[in-house]
Amino acid sequence: MKFRRDIDRLETRRFVSRIPPRSLATVTPGATVYGLVLGSTIEDTTVIDLASGALVRWRVPWPDGVDSDLQLFSVVEAVIADDPADDDLAQPEALTVATLPRQVGILRGRVVKKLLANVVAPSDGPLFGFRGPSAPYWEFRGERPSVALLVVDRGPQLLRRHDDGSTWVRFGFELDDVWLLCEDPTAVRAIDATRRLSLSGKDLALALGFKPAYVLASLSQPVDGHCYKTCTGLIPRY
């Protein structure tokens, strides 16, 4: 079985190596695109576009009541919708895909390490250009990123709030003590399974099955006129 998995991974690397490179991620309606999954929620799926190497947010038409089943580091194929809705000034990386993505394979090893290193957010100020948990939707002009792969200064730590049952990720970034609502299904399931209110260090690594080295942060769609910072993925280093 391991031999079969190794062959599958080799075939996936070969498949990825044959994707024609582009300087920018395409937004052409009807175009077929390929991505490496970093985080996937009902709201959107964050991928590294494998043609351009850019971070992109796919808005996937999941059926009502169906949760995303896309795995971390899956290579997936999708077709851009006829109306890709790629003009959201709060989420300039977002575009709509026509159907549910198709999984091609799983990518591991040095290829993933290089792709991740190329999209790490610079440490040049507060997350998404503003301090605090949210900003008014009308303040965005399409000039700021809405998704960021972070190498954190401290942490991360996973926390469960007793009062409302919500899950949060706490970490240090740019001298700030950052708390983000956790929307990563894997992380939420991990703290559920432990029945604990906090996880960090070795305990967090054991619960997740890996030591988290990156935090995938995203800006939400507007809620009561504000876009909120969230965590959509805890990601290991390769």
Protein backbone atom coordinates (compact mmCIF):
# COMPACT_ATOMS: atom_id res chain seq x y z
CA MET A 1 0.00 0.00 0.00
CA LYS A 2 2.85 2.41 0.82
CA PHE A 3 4.44 1.60 -2.55
CA ARG A 4 1.15 2.50 -4.26
CA ARG A 5 1.01 5.82 -2.35
CA ASP A 6 4.59 6.61 -3.36
CA ILE A 7 3.73 5.98 -7.01
CA ASP A 8 0.64 8.19 -6.71
CA ARG A 9 2.71 11.04 -5.23
CA LEU A 10 5.30 10.70 -7.98
CA GLU A 11 2.54 10.86 -10.59
CA THR A 12 1.10 13.96 -8.87
CA ARG A 13 4.51 15.70 -8.94
CA ARG A 14 4.83 14.88 -12.63
CA PHE A 15 1.33 16.20 -13.27
CA VAL A 16 2.14 19.48 -11.47
CA SER A 17 5.42 19.87 -13.36
CA ARG A 18 3.51 19.78 -16.67
CA ILE A 19 1.20 22.72 -15.78
CA PRO A 20 2.14 25.62 -18.08
CA PRO A 21 3.53 28.51 -15.99
CA ARG A 22 1.88 31.95 -15.97
CA SER A 23 2.97 35.28 -14.54
CA LEU A 24 -0.51 35.90 -13.06
CA ALA A 25 -3.38 33.67 -11.99
CA THR A 26 -6.00 33.53 -14.75
CA VAL A 27 -9.54 34.81 -14.18
CA THR A 28 -10.80 33.90 -17.66
CA PRO A 29 -14.32 32.42 -17.55
CA GLY A 30 -14.31 28.75 -18.54
CA ALA A 31 -10.57 28.31 -17.97
CA THR A 32 -9.36 25.19 -16.14
CA VAL A 33 -7.20 26.01 -13.12
CA TYR A 34 -5.19 23.90 -10.69
CA GLY A 35 -4.46 24.64 -7.06
CA LEU A 36 -2.73 23.28 -3.99
CA VAL A 37 -5.20 23.37 -1.09
CA LEU A 38 -4.09 25.26 2.03
CA GLY A 39 -7.48 25.74 3.68
CA SER A 40 -11.08 25.02 2.80
CA THR A 41 -14.31 26.23 4.39
CA ILE A 42 -17.87 26.71 3.15
CA GLU A 43 -17.06 30.36 2.42
CA ASP A 44 -14.07 29.67 0.20
CA THR A 45 -11.08 27.47 -0.52
CA THR A 46 -7.60 28.99 -0.40
CA VAL A 47 -5.14 27.49 -2.86
CA ILE A 48 -1.74 28.20 -4.30
CA ASP A 49 -2.45 28.61 -8.01
CA LEU A 50 -0.06 26.09 -9.54
CA ALA A 51 0.41 28.00 -12.79
CA SER A 52 1.39 31.33 -11.23
CA GLY A 53 2.33 30.44 -7.64
CA ALA A 54 -0.10 33.06 -6.29
CA LEU A 55 -2.51 32.70 -3.38
CA VAL A 56 -6.08 32.55 -4.68
CA ARG A 57 -9.46 32.19 -2.96
CA TRP A 58 -11.91 29.97 -4.82
CA ARG A 59 -15.57 30.49 -4.01
CA VAL A 60 -16.94 26.99 -4.39
CA PRO A 61 -20.69 26.26 -4.89
CA TRP A 62 -21.01 23.68 -2.12
CA PRO A 63 -24.56 22.26 -1.89
CA ASP A 64 -26.60 23.27 1.14
CA GLY A 65 -25.66 21.18 4.16
CA VAL A 66 -22.47 19.81 2.54
CA ASP A 67 -19.14 20.63 4.16
CA SER A 68 -15.88 20.87 2.27
CA ASP A 69 -14.00 17.57 2.03
CA LEU A 70 -10.83 18.96 0.45
CA GLN A 71 -7.65 17.86 2.22
CA LEU A 72 -4.59 19.93 3.03
CA PHE A 73 -2.04 19.80 0.17
CA SER A 74 -4.51 18.23 -2.25
CA VAL A 75 -3.92 19.15 -5.88
CA VAL A 76 -7.35 20.09 -7.22
CA GLU A 77 -8.80 21.08 -10.58
CA ALA A 78 -11.60 23.57 -11.11
CA VAL A 79 -13.22 25.55 -13.91
CA ILE A 80 -13.72 29.30 -13.53
CA ALA A 81 -17.38 30.30 -13.57
CA ASP A 82 -18.91 32.28 -16.44
CA ASP A 83 -19.28 35.16 -13.98
CA PRO A 84 -16.23 34.73 -11.73
CA ALA A 85 -17.20 37.66 -9.42
CA ASP A 86 -13.54 38.66 -9.16
CA ASP A 87 -14.15 42.33 -8.35
CA ASP A 88 -14.58 42.19 -4.54
CA LEU A 89 -12.42 45.03 -3.21
CA ALA A 90 -12.19 43.40 0.23
CA GLN A 91 -11.10 40.06 -1.24
CA PRO A 92 -9.08 40.83 -4.39
CA GLU A 93 -7.78 37.24 -4.62
CA ALA A 94 -11.29 35.73 -4.75
CA LEU A 95 -13.01 34.28 -7.79
CA THR A 96 -15.94 31.91 -8.29
CA VAL A 97 -15.51 28.43 -9.75
CA ALA A 98 -18.29 26.73 -11.68
CA THR A 99 -18.44 23.33 -10.01
CA LEU A 100 -16.97 21.42 -7.08
CA PRO A 101 -13.18 21.00 -7.46
CA ARG A 102 -11.89 17.60 -8.56
CA GLN A 103 -9.02 16.10 -6.56
CA VAL A 104 -6.07 15.11 -8.72
CA GLY A 105 -3.72 13.89 -5.98
CA ILE A 106 -1.72 14.84 -2.89
CA LEU A 107 1.53 16.77 -3.06
CA ARG A 108 4.29 16.38 -0.44
CA GLY A 109 7.95 17.13 0.17
CA ARG A 110 10.27 19.74 -1.31
CA VAL A 111 7.83 20.92 -3.96
CA VAL A 112 5.36 21.93 -1.23
CA LYS A 113 8.14 23.53 0.82
CA LYS A 114 9.12 25.74 -2.12
CA LEU A 115 5.53 26.72 -2.91
CA LEU A 116 4.87 27.68 0.71
CA ALA A 117 8.09 29.67 1.02
CA ASN A 118 7.18 31.72 -2.04
CA VAL A 119 3.85 32.92 -0.59
CA VAL A 120 4.83 33.65 3.04
CA ALA A 121 3.58 37.10 4.03
CA PRO A 122 6.28 39.68 4.83
CA SER A 123 6.59 40.99 8.36
CA ASP A 124 6.02 44.62 7.47
CA GLY A 125 3.25 45.80 9.73
CA PRO A 126 -0.04 44.68 11.27
CA LEU A 127 -1.94 41.78 9.71
CA PHE A 128 -3.84 42.94 6.57
CA GLY A 129 -2.67 46.50 7.18
CA PHE A 130 -4.84 47.30 10.20
CA ARG A 131 -4.88 46.51 13.89
CA GLY A 132 -7.83 45.01 15.69
CA PRO A 133 -10.15 42.16 14.67
CA SER A 134 -12.07 43.83 11.84
CA ALA A 135 -12.42 46.77 9.48
CA PRO A 136 -15.45 48.32 7.73
CA TYR A 137 -16.11 46.84 4.30
CA TRP A 138 -16.32 50.27 2.68
CA GLU A 139 -12.72 51.07 3.65
CA PHE A 140 -11.27 48.43 1.31
CA ARG A 141 -10.01 49.49 -2.10
CA GLY A 142 -8.59 46.24 -3.48
CA GLU A 143 -5.06 47.26 -2.51
CA ARG A 144 -4.63 44.99 0.51
CA PRO A 145 -4.38 41.20 0.49
CA SER A 146 -7.23 39.33 2.14
CA VAL A 147 -5.34 36.09 2.74
CA ALA A 148 -1.89 35.59 4.23
CA LEU A 149 0.37 32.67 5.08
CA LEU A 150 2.11 33.66 8.31
CA VAL A 151 5.24 32.47 10.06
CA VAL A 152 4.37 33.42 13.63
CA ASP A 153 6.64 34.78 16.35
CA ARG A 154 5.00 32.78 19.14
CA GLY A 155 2.59 29.88 19.23
CA PRO A 156 0.21 29.02 17.77
CA GLN A 157 -2.11 28.03 20.60
CA LEU A 158 -5.59 26.60 20.11
CA LEU A 159 -8.26 27.76 22.57
CA ARG A 160 -11.88 26.83 23.22
CA ARG A 161 -14.09 29.50 24.78
CA HIS A 162 -16.26 28.01 27.47
CA ASP A 163 -19.06 30.58 27.17
CA ASP A 164 -19.97 30.06 23.50
CA GLY A 165 -17.96 26.98 22.43
CA SER A 166 -16.06 28.90 19.74
CA THR A 167 -12.48 27.92 18.83
CA TRP A 168 -9.69 30.48 18.57
CA VAL A 169 -6.07 30.53 17.47
CA ARG A 170 -3.67 32.70 19.46
CA PHE A 171 -0.18 33.62 18.27
CA GLY A 172 2.38 36.40 18.18
CA PHE A 173 2.91 38.37 14.98
CA GLU A 174 4.72 41.68 14.54
CA LEU A 175 4.83 42.19 18.33
CA ASP A 176 1.01 41.84 18.45
CA ASP A 177 -0.85 39.25 20.50
CA VAL A 178 -3.26 38.03 17.81
CA TRP A 179 -6.49 36.11 18.43
CA LEU A 180 -8.34 34.77 15.39
CA LEU A 181 -11.59 32.86 15.24
CA CYS A 182 -10.63 29.39 13.99
CA GLU A 183 -12.51 28.14 10.93
CA ASP A 184 -10.09 25.32 10.14
CA PRO A 185 -12.22 22.13 10.41
CA THR A 186 -9.18 19.96 11.21
CA ALA A 187 -8.15 22.17 14.13
CA VAL A 188 -11.71 22.36 15.47
CA ARG A 189 -12.04 18.57 15.34
CA ALA A 190 -8.67 18.20 17.07
CA ILE A 191 -9.65 20.26 20.12
CA ASP A 192 -13.09 18.59 20.13
CA ALA A 193 -11.42 15.19 20.40
CA THR A 194 -9.23 16.20 23.35
CA ARG A 195 -12.13 17.77 25.31
CA ARG A 196 -9.72 20.42 26.51
CA LEU A 197 -9.95 24.21 26.55
CA SER A 198 -6.43 24.85 25.25
CA LEU A 199 -3.74 23.09 23.22
CA SER A 200 -0.21 24.22 22.50
CA GLY A 201 3.26 22.84 21.85
CA LYS A 202 3.55 19.06 21.85
CA ASP A 203 -0.09 18.58 22.84
CA LEU A 204 -1.27 20.58 19.83
CA ALA A 205 1.09 18.72 17.51
CA LEU A 206 -0.17 15.38 18.83
CA ALA A 207 -3.81 16.39 18.41
CA LEU A 208 -3.28 17.66 14.84
CA GLY A 209 -0.89 14.91 13.78
CA PHE A 210 1.76 17.50 12.85
CA LYS A 211 3.62 20.46 14.32
CA PRO A 212 2.03 23.65 12.94
CA ALA A 213 4.57 26.04 11.42
CA TYR A 214 2.25 28.39 9.53
CA VAL A 215 -1.06 30.11 10.20
CA LEU A 216 -3.32 30.75 7.22
CA ALA A 217 -5.21 33.97 7.97
CA SER A 218 -8.13 35.29 5.94
CA LEU A 219 -10.54 38.19 5.89
CA SER A 220 -14.18 37.14 6.05
CA GLN A 221 -16.96 38.34 3.82
CA PRO A 222 -18.84 41.27 5.40
CA VAL A 223 -20.75 40.59 8.61
CA ASP A 224 -22.87 43.58 9.64
CA GLY A 225 -20.70 45.73 7.38
CA HIS A 226 -17.33 44.57 8.73
CA CYS A 227 -14.75 42.05 7.47
CA TYR A 228 -13.17 39.99 10.25
CA LYS A 229 -9.76 38.38 10.53
CA THR A 230 -10.04 34.58 10.84
CA CYS A 231 -7.78 31.53 10.83
CA THR A 232 -8.63 29.13 8.01
CA GLY A 233 -5.69 26.78 8.39
CA LEU A 234 -2.86 25.50 10.59
CA ILE A 235 -0.17 24.16 8.29
CA PRO A 236 2.98 22.08 8.87
CA ARG A 237 6.44 22.91 7.52
CA TYR A 238 8.02 20.67 4.89
